[in-house]
Protein backbone atom coordinates (compact mmCIF):
# COMPACT_ATOMS: atom_id res chain seq x y z
CA MET A 1 111.61 90.69 110.48
CA SER A 2 110.32 92.00 107.18
CA PHE A 3 110.56 95.58 105.97
CA ALA A 4 108.30 94.96 102.96
CA SER A 5 105.01 96.79 102.49
CA SER A 6 101.77 95.22 101.36
CA SER A 7 102.02 96.93 97.97
CA LEU A 8 104.60 98.76 95.87
CA PRO A 9 102.56 102.02 95.55
CA ARG A 10 102.17 102.13 99.34
CA HIS A 11 105.91 101.63 99.80
CA LEU A 12 106.75 104.33 97.27
CA PHE A 13 104.32 106.71 99.00
CA ARG A 14 106.10 106.07 102.31
CA GLY A 15 109.42 106.84 100.59
CA ALA A 16 108.12 110.09 99.11
CA LEU A 17 106.75 111.10 102.50
CA GLY A 18 109.99 110.19 104.25
CA PHE A 19 112.35 111.90 101.82
CA GLY A 20 110.04 114.91 101.58
CA SER A 21 109.99 115.25 105.35
CA LEU A 22 113.76 115.01 105.65
CA ILE A 23 114.37 117.57 102.92
CA SER A 24 111.69 119.90 104.29
CA ALA A 25 113.11 119.70 107.80
CA PHE A 26 116.47 121.06 106.70
CA ALA A 27 115.02 123.52 104.15
CA LEU A 28 112.63 125.05 106.70
CA LEU A 29 115.20 125.20 109.49
CA PRO A 30 116.23 128.85 108.76
CA LEU A 31 112.57 129.96 108.55
CA VAL A 32 110.90 128.05 111.37
CA GLY A 33 113.84 127.23 113.58
CA PRO A 34 114.22 124.05 115.61
CA ALA A 35 110.48 123.30 115.27
CA ALA A 36 111.20 122.21 111.69
CA LEU A 37 113.22 119.32 113.10
CA LEU A 38 109.93 117.69 114.11
CA LEU A 39 109.67 116.73 110.45
CA LEU A 40 112.66 114.43 111.04
CA LEU A 41 110.45 112.39 113.35
CA LEU A 42 107.81 112.07 110.62
CA GLY A 43 110.51 110.98 108.19
CA ALA A 44 111.80 108.34 110.61
CA VAL A 45 108.28 106.94 111.06
CA ALA A 46 107.70 106.86 107.29
CA PHE A 47 111.01 105.05 106.77
CA ARG A 48 110.35 102.67 109.69
CA GLY A 49 113.61 103.78 111.24
CA CYS A 50 116.03 104.92 108.57
CA PRO A 51 116.35 105.37 104.80
CA THR A 52 118.38 102.15 104.61
CA CYS A 53 115.46 100.24 106.15
CA TRP A 54 113.20 101.74 103.50
CA VAL A 55 115.53 100.63 100.68
CA ILE A 56 115.67 97.10 102.12
CA GLY A 57 111.87 97.13 102.25
CA LEU A 58 111.71 98.29 98.64
CA ILE A 59 113.86 95.35 97.57
CA GLU A 60 111.74 92.94 99.62
CA THR A 61 108.50 94.41 98.27
CA THR A 62 109.55 94.13 94.63
CA SER A 63 110.96 90.61 95.01
CA ARG A 64 108.08 89.22 97.08
CA GLY A 65 106.91 85.91 95.69
CA ARG A 66 109.68 85.59 93.12
CA LEU A 67 112.13 83.67 95.28
CA LYS A 68 111.40 81.07 97.92
CA ARG A 69 113.79 79.94 100.64
CA ASP A 70 113.34 76.51 102.18
CA CYS A 71 115.39 75.47 105.19
CA THR A 72 115.32 71.86 106.37
CA ASP A 73 117.80 70.02 108.56
CA GLY A 74 120.17 73.00 108.67
CA THR A 75 120.40 73.28 104.87
CA CYS A 76 118.77 76.15 103.02
CA THR A 77 117.93 76.26 99.34
CA LEU A 78 116.73 79.17 97.23
CA THR A 79 114.27 78.38 94.45
CA ARG A 80 112.01 80.34 92.15
CA GLY A 81 108.56 80.94 93.50
CA PRO A 82 105.33 80.30 91.60
CA ALA A 83 105.05 83.98 90.48
CA THR A 84 108.35 83.76 88.55
CA ALA A 85 107.54 80.40 86.99
CA GLN A 86 104.26 81.75 85.60
CA ARG A 87 105.86 84.85 84.12
CA CYS A 88 108.65 82.94 82.43
CA GLY A 89 106.25 80.41 80.93
CA SER A 90 107.91 77.49 82.75
């Protein structure tokens, strides 16, 4: 299962929407009452479950293509992907 987004700006937008919804839910609670807690649902959808899932997705989104894992015969190796090799001039 991957938590990564298709692009970094899209992932950051989801984070802003999620954190904004969570903060707004608690800030609006005295004014709107329990109806403000519906914003928690929007935040959970934006985070795809929880803020930790969003952070894991951020790490996966930024590292996509830089590392490659190959598993054969029960042994896994981690190597640099083609995107890293081109940037480093290797």
